[in-house]
Amino acid sequence: MSKIQVVIIEDHDLSRVGLTAALQHSGVVEVLGSAPNGRQGLEMIQQYQPDVAILDIGLPDIDGIEVTLQLKKAQEEDETLQTKVLMLTANTSEDSVLAAFAAGADSYSLKEVSVEDLLTAIQLTHEGNAWIDPNIARIVLQQARASQAH
């Protein structure tokens, strides 16, 4: 089985380096590159066309939601671009969670996730399934129920 190719877009150096090391060590994932901000991340996604982009919401230039919007827009124009988006963030605000999915994020995980669960999230995202961190799933469910009631 070939490794799942990912790009990591994370502004905190230690988080980016640690995540890269943990994922490379797993033997399941190949990290093609990492970027400290959204603009470099978008360039890296376009250059490498990874299976999954692991993306922080809180980036210093353009946030992860804007990166996702731009990526999904590019994918509409070019169907060969197939990168899935896994948000990996400490942000649990309802607005951020809903904005990420509205922008086209495929999955959403909190940073306190175990490496094992993150690998599961990456694999499911790569296969075309959504993975939602159990700690924020209730936000998505509440929104779904609220929109059904209207």
N, C-alpha and C. Protein backbone atom coordinates (compact mmCIF):
# COMPACT_ATOMS: atom_id res chain seq x y z
N MET A 1 0.84 -1.19 0.00
CA MET A 1 0.00 0.00 0.00
C MET A 1 0.88 1.24 0.00
N SER A 2 0.61 2.16 -0.90
CA SER A 2 1.44 3.37 -0.95
C SER A 2 1.06 4.32 0.19
N LYS A 3 2.03 5.10 0.58
CA LYS A 3 1.82 6.02 1.69
C LYS A 3 0.91 7.17 1.26
N ILE A 4 0.16 7.70 2.23
CA ILE A 4 -0.68 8.87 1.98
C ILE A 4 0.24 10.09 2.02
N GLN A 5 0.20 10.86 0.96
CA GLN A 5 1.06 12.04 0.87
C GLN A 5 0.36 13.26 1.45
N VAL A 6 1.06 13.94 2.36
CA VAL A 6 0.47 15.11 3.01
C VAL A 6 1.41 16.31 2.96
N VAL A 7 0.80 17.47 3.09
CA VAL A 7 1.50 18.73 3.30
C VAL A 7 0.95 19.29 4.61
N ILE A 8 1.83 19.82 5.45
CA ILE A 8 1.43 20.40 6.73
C ILE A 8 1.56 21.92 6.67
N ILE A 9 0.49 22.61 7.02
CA ILE A 9 0.51 24.07 7.04
C ILE A 9 0.19 24.50 8.46
N GLU A 10 1.22 24.92 9.17
CA GLU A 10 1.14 25.20 10.61
C GLU A 10 2.16 26.28 10.94
N ASP A 11 1.73 27.34 11.63
CA ASP A 11 2.64 28.46 11.88
C ASP A 11 3.56 28.27 13.08
N HIS A 12 3.25 27.36 13.98
CA HIS A 12 4.12 27.13 15.14
C HIS A 12 5.19 26.11 14.79
N ASP A 13 6.45 26.55 14.86
CA ASP A 13 7.56 25.70 14.44
C ASP A 13 7.57 24.34 15.14
N LEU A 14 7.44 24.35 16.47
CA LEU A 14 7.51 23.08 17.21
C LEU A 14 6.37 22.15 16.82
N SER A 15 5.18 22.70 16.66
CA SER A 15 4.04 21.87 16.24
C SER A 15 4.29 21.28 14.86
N ARG A 16 4.79 22.10 13.95
CA ARG A 16 5.03 21.65 12.58
C ARG A 16 6.10 20.55 12.56
N VAL A 17 7.20 20.78 13.27
CA VAL A 17 8.29 19.81 13.29
C VAL A 17 7.85 18.51 13.98
N GLY A 18 7.16 18.64 15.11
CA GLY A 18 6.70 17.45 15.84
C GLY A 18 5.70 16.64 15.04
N LEU A 19 4.79 17.33 14.40
CA LEU A 19 3.78 16.66 13.58
C LEU A 19 4.44 15.94 12.41
N THR A 20 5.38 16.62 11.76
CA THR A 20 6.11 16.01 10.64
C THR A 20 6.82 14.74 11.10
N ALA A 21 7.52 14.83 12.22
CA ALA A 21 8.27 13.67 12.73
C ALA A 21 7.33 12.52 13.10
N ALA A 22 6.24 12.83 13.79
CA ALA A 22 5.30 11.79 14.21
C ALA A 22 4.67 11.09 13.00
N LEU A 23 4.30 11.87 12.00
CA LEU A 23 3.64 11.29 10.83
C LEU A 23 4.63 10.48 9.99
N GLN A 24 5.84 11.00 9.81
CA GLN A 24 6.86 10.27 9.04
C GLN A 24 7.16 8.93 9.73
N HIS A 25 7.23 8.98 11.06
CA HIS A 25 7.56 7.80 11.86
C HIS A 25 6.47 6.72 11.75
N SER A 26 5.26 7.12 11.45
CA SER A 26 4.13 6.18 11.41
C SER A 26 4.28 5.12 10.33
N GLY A 27 4.99 5.47 9.27
CA GLY A 27 5.12 4.55 8.14
C GLY A 27 3.92 4.53 7.22
N VAL A 28 2.86 5.25 7.57
CA VAL A 28 1.62 5.27 6.79
C VAL A 28 1.55 6.54 5.92
N VAL A 29 2.23 7.58 6.41
CA VAL A 29 2.12 8.91 5.81
C VAL A 29 3.50 9.36 5.33
N GLU A 30 3.51 10.01 4.17
CA GLU A 30 4.73 10.67 3.69
C GLU A 30 4.47 12.17 3.70
N VAL A 31 5.28 12.91 4.46
CA VAL A 31 5.14 14.36 4.51
C VAL A 31 5.98 14.94 3.38
N LEU A 32 5.32 15.53 2.39
CA LEU A 32 6.01 16.08 1.22
C LEU A 32 6.66 17.42 1.54
N GLY A 33 6.08 18.13 2.50
CA GLY A 33 6.62 19.42 2.87
C GLY A 33 5.74 20.07 3.92
N SER A 34 6.25 21.18 4.47
CA SER A 34 5.46 21.92 5.45
C SER A 34 5.69 23.40 5.24
N ALA A 35 4.69 24.18 5.61
CA ALA A 35 4.75 25.62 5.41
C ALA A 35 4.29 26.34 6.68
N PRO A 36 4.90 27.51 6.98
CA PRO A 36 4.55 28.25 8.18
C PRO A 36 3.40 29.24 7.99
N ASN A 37 2.89 29.37 6.77
CA ASN A 37 1.78 30.30 6.54
C ASN A 37 0.93 29.85 5.36
N GLY A 38 -0.20 30.51 5.20
CA GLY A 38 -1.18 30.10 4.19
C GLY A 38 -0.72 30.26 2.76
N ARG A 39 -0.04 31.36 2.45
CA ARG A 39 0.40 31.58 1.07
C ARG A 39 1.41 30.52 0.63
N GLN A 40 2.40 30.28 1.49
CA GLN A 40 3.39 29.23 1.16
C GLN A 40 2.72 27.87 1.11
N GLY A 41 1.75 27.67 1.99
CA GLY A 41 1.01 26.40 1.99
C GLY A 41 0.27 26.16 0.69
N LEU A 42 -0.41 27.19 0.20
CA LEU A 42 -1.13 27.06 -1.09
C LEU A 42 -0.15 26.75 -2.22
N GLU A 43 1.00 27.43 -2.22
CA GLU A 43 2.00 27.17 -3.26
C GLU A 43 2.48 25.72 -3.18
N MET A 44 2.68 25.24 -1.95
CA MET A 44 3.16 23.89 -1.75
C MET A 44 2.11 22.86 -2.19
N ILE A 45 0.84 23.13 -1.90
CA ILE A 45 -0.23 22.24 -2.34
C ILE A 45 -0.27 22.18 -3.86
N GLN A 46 -0.15 23.34 -4.52
CA GLN A 46 -0.18 23.37 -5.98
C GLN A 46 1.04 22.66 -6.56
N GLN A 47 2.18 22.80 -5.90
CA GLN A 47 3.41 22.18 -6.39
C GLN A 47 3.38 20.66 -6.22
N TYR A 48 3.01 20.18 -5.04
CA TYR A 48 3.10 18.76 -4.73
C TYR A 48 1.81 17.97 -4.97
N GLN A 49 0.68 18.66 -4.96
CA GLN A 49 -0.63 18.02 -5.07
C GLN A 49 -0.75 16.80 -4.15
N PRO A 50 -0.64 17.04 -2.83
CA PRO A 50 -0.71 15.94 -1.87
C PRO A 50 -2.12 15.36 -1.81
N ASP A 51 -2.22 14.18 -1.20
CA ASP A 51 -3.54 13.57 -0.99
C ASP A 51 -4.33 14.38 0.03
N VAL A 52 -3.64 14.82 1.09
CA VAL A 52 -4.30 15.54 2.18
C VAL A 52 -3.44 16.73 2.60
N ALA A 53 -4.07 17.87 2.77
CA ALA A 53 -3.41 19.04 3.36
C ALA A 53 -3.88 19.13 4.81
N ILE A 54 -2.92 19.13 5.73
CA ILE A 54 -3.22 19.28 7.15
C ILE A 54 -3.01 20.75 7.47
N LEU A 55 -4.07 21.40 7.91
CA LEU A 55 -4.12 22.84 7.90
C LEU A 55 -4.59 23.41 9.22
N ASP A 56 -3.82 24.37 9.74
CA ASP A 56 -4.23 25.08 10.94
C ASP A 56 -5.16 26.23 10.52
N ILE A 57 -6.12 26.57 11.35
CA ILE A 57 -6.99 27.71 11.02
C ILE A 57 -6.26 29.02 11.27
N GLY A 58 -5.57 29.11 12.40
CA GLY A 58 -4.95 30.37 12.80
C GLY A 58 -3.57 30.56 12.19
N LEU A 59 -3.51 31.01 10.95
CA LEU A 59 -2.24 31.26 10.29
C LEU A 59 -1.99 32.77 10.23
N PRO A 60 -0.72 33.20 10.17
CA PRO A 60 -0.42 34.62 10.29
C PRO A 60 -0.81 35.50 9.10
N ASP A 61 -0.90 34.95 7.91
CA ASP A 61 -1.21 35.79 6.75
C ASP A 61 -2.66 35.60 6.31
N ILE A 62 -2.94 34.51 5.65
CA ILE A 62 -4.34 34.17 5.33
C ILE A 62 -4.68 32.94 6.14
N ASP A 63 -5.83 32.94 6.77
CA ASP A 63 -6.16 31.83 7.67
C ASP A 63 -6.50 30.56 6.91
N GLY A 64 -6.59 29.47 7.66
CA GLY A 64 -6.85 28.17 7.06
C GLY A 64 -8.17 28.09 6.31
N ILE A 65 -9.13 28.88 6.75
CA ILE A 65 -10.43 28.89 6.06
C ILE A 65 -10.28 29.51 4.68
N GLU A 66 -9.53 30.60 4.58
CA GLU A 66 -9.28 31.24 3.28
C GLU A 66 -8.45 30.32 2.38
N VAL A 67 -7.46 29.64 2.96
CA VAL A 67 -6.65 28.68 2.19
C VAL A 67 -7.57 27.60 1.61
N THR A 68 -8.49 27.10 2.44
CA THR A 68 -9.43 26.06 1.99
C THR A 68 -10.31 26.59 0.86
N LEU A 69 -10.83 27.79 1.02
CA LEU A 69 -11.67 28.39 -0.04
C LEU A 69 -10.91 28.49 -1.35
N GLN A 70 -9.68 28.97 -1.29
CA GLN A 70 -8.88 29.13 -2.51
C GLN A 70 -8.55 27.77 -3.13
N LEU A 71 -8.25 26.78 -2.30
CA LEU A 71 -7.94 25.44 -2.79
C LEU A 71 -9.17 24.83 -3.47
N LYS A 72 -10.33 24.92 -2.82
CA LYS A 72 -11.54 24.32 -3.38
C LYS A 72 -11.95 25.04 -4.68
N LYS A 73 -11.72 26.36 -4.75
CA LYS A 73 -12.01 27.10 -5.98
C LYS A 73 -11.10 26.61 -7.11
N ALA A 74 -9.82 26.43 -6.80
CA ALA A 74 -8.88 25.91 -7.80
C ALA A 74 -9.28 24.51 -8.26
N GLN A 75 -9.81 23.69 -7.34
CA GLN A 75 -10.23 22.33 -7.68
C GLN A 75 -11.46 22.33 -8.59
N GLU A 76 -12.31 23.34 -8.43
CA GLU A 76 -13.47 23.45 -9.32
C GLU A 76 -13.02 23.75 -10.75
N GLU A 77 -11.94 24.52 -10.87
CA GLU A 77 -11.43 24.91 -12.19
C GLU A 77 -10.56 23.83 -12.81
N ASP A 78 -9.96 22.99 -11.98
CA ASP A 78 -9.06 21.94 -12.47
C ASP A 78 -9.35 20.64 -11.72
N GLU A 79 -10.06 19.74 -12.38
CA GLU A 79 -10.51 18.51 -11.72
C GLU A 79 -9.38 17.55 -11.39
N THR A 80 -8.17 17.79 -11.91
CA THR A 80 -7.05 16.90 -11.56
C THR A 80 -6.54 17.18 -10.15
N LEU A 81 -6.88 18.34 -9.60
CA LEU A 81 -6.49 18.66 -8.22
C LEU A 81 -7.44 17.96 -7.26
N GLN A 82 -6.92 17.06 -6.46
CA GLN A 82 -7.79 16.23 -5.61
C GLN A 82 -7.46 16.32 -4.13
N THR A 83 -6.65 17.30 -3.72
CA THR A 83 -6.23 17.38 -2.32
C THR A 83 -7.41 17.57 -1.38
N LYS A 84 -7.46 16.73 -0.35
CA LYS A 84 -8.48 16.86 0.70
C LYS A 84 -7.91 17.74 1.82
N VAL A 85 -8.81 18.35 2.59
CA VAL A 85 -8.39 19.26 3.65
C VAL A 85 -8.79 18.71 5.02
N LEU A 86 -7.78 18.56 5.87
CA LEU A 86 -7.99 18.17 7.27
C LEU A 86 -7.56 19.35 8.13
N MET A 87 -8.53 20.01 8.75
CA MET A 87 -8.22 21.09 9.68
C MET A 87 -7.69 20.48 10.96
N LEU A 88 -6.56 20.97 11.42
CA LEU A 88 -5.98 20.52 12.68
C LEU A 88 -5.70 21.77 13.49
N THR A 89 -6.51 22.00 14.50
CA THR A 89 -6.47 23.30 15.17
C THR A 89 -6.85 23.16 16.64
N ALA A 90 -6.52 24.17 17.40
CA ALA A 90 -6.96 24.24 18.79
C ALA A 90 -8.29 24.98 18.88
N ASN A 91 -8.75 25.48 17.75
CA ASN A 91 -9.93 26.34 17.71
C ASN A 91 -11.22 25.51 17.79
N THR A 92 -11.97 25.73 18.87
CA THR A 92 -13.23 25.00 19.05
C THR A 92 -14.45 25.92 18.92
N SER A 93 -14.24 27.16 18.46
CA SER A 93 -15.38 28.07 18.38
C SER A 93 -16.35 27.59 17.29
N GLU A 94 -17.61 27.70 17.60
CA GLU A 94 -18.64 27.25 16.67
C GLU A 94 -18.48 27.93 15.31
N ASP A 95 -18.21 29.24 15.33
CA ASP A 95 -18.05 29.98 14.07
C ASP A 95 -16.93 29.40 13.21
N SER A 96 -15.80 29.09 13.84
CA SER A 96 -14.66 28.54 13.10
C SER A 96 -14.96 27.16 12.54
N VAL A 97 -15.56 26.32 13.35
CA VAL A 97 -15.89 24.97 12.92
C VAL A 97 -16.82 25.03 11.71
N LEU A 98 -17.88 25.81 11.82
CA LEU A 98 -18.86 25.88 10.73
C LEU A 98 -18.27 26.56 9.50
N ALA A 99 -17.44 27.59 9.71
CA ALA A 99 -16.80 28.27 8.58
C ALA A 99 -15.85 27.33 7.84
N ALA A 100 -15.15 26.49 8.59
CA ALA A 100 -14.22 25.54 7.96
C ALA A 100 -14.98 24.58 7.04
N PHE A 101 -16.08 24.03 7.53
CA PHE A 101 -16.86 23.11 6.69
C PHE A 101 -17.54 23.85 5.54
N ALA A 102 -18.01 25.06 5.79
CA ALA A 102 -18.62 25.84 4.72
C ALA A 102 -17.61 26.15 3.62
N ALA A 103 -16.35 26.32 4.00
CA ALA A 103 -15.29 26.61 3.03
C ALA A 103 -14.90 25.38 2.21
N GLY A 104 -15.27 24.20 2.73
CA GLY A 104 -14.98 22.98 2.00
C GLY A 104 -14.03 22.02 2.69
N ALA A 105 -13.73 22.28 3.97
CA ALA A 105 -12.86 21.34 4.70
C ALA A 105 -13.51 19.96 4.71
N ASP A 106 -12.69 18.94 4.59
CA ASP A 106 -13.21 17.57 4.56
C ASP A 106 -13.30 16.98 5.95
N SER A 107 -12.37 17.38 6.83
CA SER A 107 -12.33 16.84 8.19
C SER A 107 -11.84 17.92 9.14
N TYR A 108 -12.09 17.70 10.44
CA TYR A 108 -11.75 18.70 11.45
C TYR A 108 -11.29 17.98 12.71
N SER A 109 -10.08 18.28 13.14
CA SER A 109 -9.54 17.65 14.34
C SER A 109 -8.92 18.70 15.26
N LEU A 110 -9.02 18.45 16.54
CA LEU A 110 -8.36 19.31 17.51
C LEU A 110 -6.92 18.85 17.68
N LYS A 111 -6.06 19.79 18.06
CA LYS A 111 -4.63 19.47 18.17
C LYS A 111 -4.30 18.51 19.30
N GLU A 112 -5.16 18.39 20.29
CA GLU A 112 -4.84 17.46 21.38
C GLU A 112 -5.13 16.00 21.00
N VAL A 113 -5.43 15.75 19.76
CA VAL A 113 -5.69 14.40 19.26
C VAL A 113 -4.44 13.52 19.44
N SER A 114 -4.67 12.24 19.65
CA SER A 114 -3.52 11.31 19.70
C SER A 114 -3.01 11.10 18.27
N VAL A 115 -1.76 10.68 18.17
CA VAL A 115 -1.19 10.40 16.85
C VAL A 115 -2.00 9.30 16.16
N GLU A 116 -2.40 8.31 16.93
CA GLU A 116 -3.19 7.20 16.38
C GLU A 116 -4.51 7.70 15.77
N ASP A 117 -5.21 8.58 16.51
CA ASP A 117 -6.48 9.12 15.99
C ASP A 117 -6.24 10.04 14.80
N LEU A 118 -5.14 10.79 14.84
CA LEU A 118 -4.82 11.65 13.70
C LEU A 118 -4.56 10.82 12.45
N LEU A 119 -3.86 9.72 12.60
CA LEU A 119 -3.61 8.84 11.46
C LEU A 119 -4.92 8.28 10.92
N THR A 120 -5.83 7.92 11.81
CA THR A 120 -7.16 7.47 11.39
C THR A 120 -7.87 8.58 10.62
N ALA A 121 -7.80 9.80 11.15
CA ALA A 121 -8.44 10.95 10.49
C ALA A 121 -7.84 11.17 9.10
N ILE A 122 -6.53 11.07 8.98
CA ILE A 122 -5.87 11.26 7.69
C ILE A 122 -6.31 10.17 6.71
N GLN A 123 -6.33 8.93 7.17
CA GLN A 123 -6.73 7.82 6.29
C GLN A 123 -8.18 7.97 5.83
N LEU A 124 -9.08 8.28 6.76
CA LEU A 124 -10.49 8.44 6.40
C LEU A 124 -10.69 9.61 5.44
N THR A 125 -10.00 10.71 5.72
CA THR A 125 -10.10 11.89 4.86
C THR A 125 -9.60 11.55 3.46
N HIS A 126 -8.47 10.87 3.39
CA HIS A 126 -7.89 10.46 2.11
C HIS A 126 -8.87 9.57 1.32
N GLU A 127 -9.61 8.73 2.02
CA GLU A 127 -10.57 7.82 1.37
C GLU A 127 -11.86 8.53 0.96
N GLY A 128 -11.98 9.81 1.30
CA GLY A 128 -13.17 10.56 0.89
C GLY A 128 -14.23 10.65 1.96
N ASN A 129 -13.92 10.22 3.17
CA ASN A 129 -14.86 10.31 4.29
C ASN A 129 -14.53 11.53 5.14
N ALA A 130 -15.52 12.02 5.83
CA ALA A 130 -15.29 13.11 6.78
C ALA A 130 -14.89 12.52 8.13
N TRP A 131 -13.97 13.18 8.80
CA TRP A 131 -13.61 12.79 10.18
C TRP A 131 -13.80 14.04 11.02
N ILE A 132 -14.63 13.94 12.03
CA ILE A 132 -14.90 15.10 12.89
C ILE A 132 -14.52 14.71 14.31
N ASP A 133 -13.66 15.52 14.90
CA ASP A 133 -13.22 15.28 16.27
C ASP A 133 -14.45 15.17 17.17
N PRO A 134 -14.52 14.12 17.99
CA PRO A 134 -15.69 13.94 18.86
C PRO A 134 -15.96 15.17 19.75
N ASN A 135 -14.92 15.90 20.10
CA ASN A 135 -15.10 17.07 20.96
C ASN A 135 -15.82 18.23 20.27
N ILE A 136 -15.83 18.24 18.94
CA ILE A 136 -16.54 19.32 18.25
C ILE A 136 -17.72 18.79 17.43
N ALA A 137 -17.93 17.50 17.42
CA ALA A 137 -19.03 16.93 16.64
C ALA A 137 -20.38 17.51 17.06
N ARG A 138 -20.54 17.77 18.36
CA ARG A 138 -21.84 18.31 18.82
C ARG A 138 -22.16 19.66 18.17
N ILE A 139 -21.13 20.46 17.87
CA ILE A 139 -21.36 21.76 17.21
C ILE A 139 -21.97 21.52 15.83
N VAL A 140 -21.41 20.59 15.10
CA VAL A 140 -21.89 20.28 13.76
C VAL A 140 -23.31 19.71 13.84
N LEU A 141 -23.54 18.82 14.82
CA LEU A 141 -24.86 18.23 14.96
C LEU A 141 -25.91 19.27 15.35
N GLN A 142 -25.56 20.17 16.26
CA GLN A 142 -26.50 21.23 16.66
C GLN A 142 -26.87 22.09 15.45
N GLN A 143 -25.88 22.42 14.64
CA GLN A 143 -26.13 23.25 13.45
C GLN A 143 -27.02 22.50 12.46
N ALA A 144 -26.76 21.22 12.28
CA ALA A 144 -27.56 20.41 11.36
C ALA A 144 -29.01 20.34 11.84
N ARG A 145 -29.17 20.12 13.14
CA ARG A 145 -30.54 20.07 13.70
C ARG A 145 -31.24 21.40 13.57
N ALA A 146 -30.52 22.49 13.81
CA ALA A 146 -31.11 23.82 13.74
C ALA A 146 -31.54 24.14 12.31
N SER A 147 -30.72 23.76 11.33
CA SER A 147 -31.08 24.05 9.95
C SER A 147 -32.24 23.17 9.47
N GLN A 148 -32.38 21.97 10.06
CA GLN A 148 -33.50 21.10 9.72
C GLN A 148 -34.81 21.64 10.26
N ALA A 149 -34.74 22.31 11.39
CA ALA A 149 -35.94 22.84 12.03
C ALA A 149 -36.52 24.03 11.29
N HIS A 150 -35.71 24.63 10.40
CA HIS A 150 -36.19 25.83 9.70
C HIS A 150 -36.85 25.50 8.40
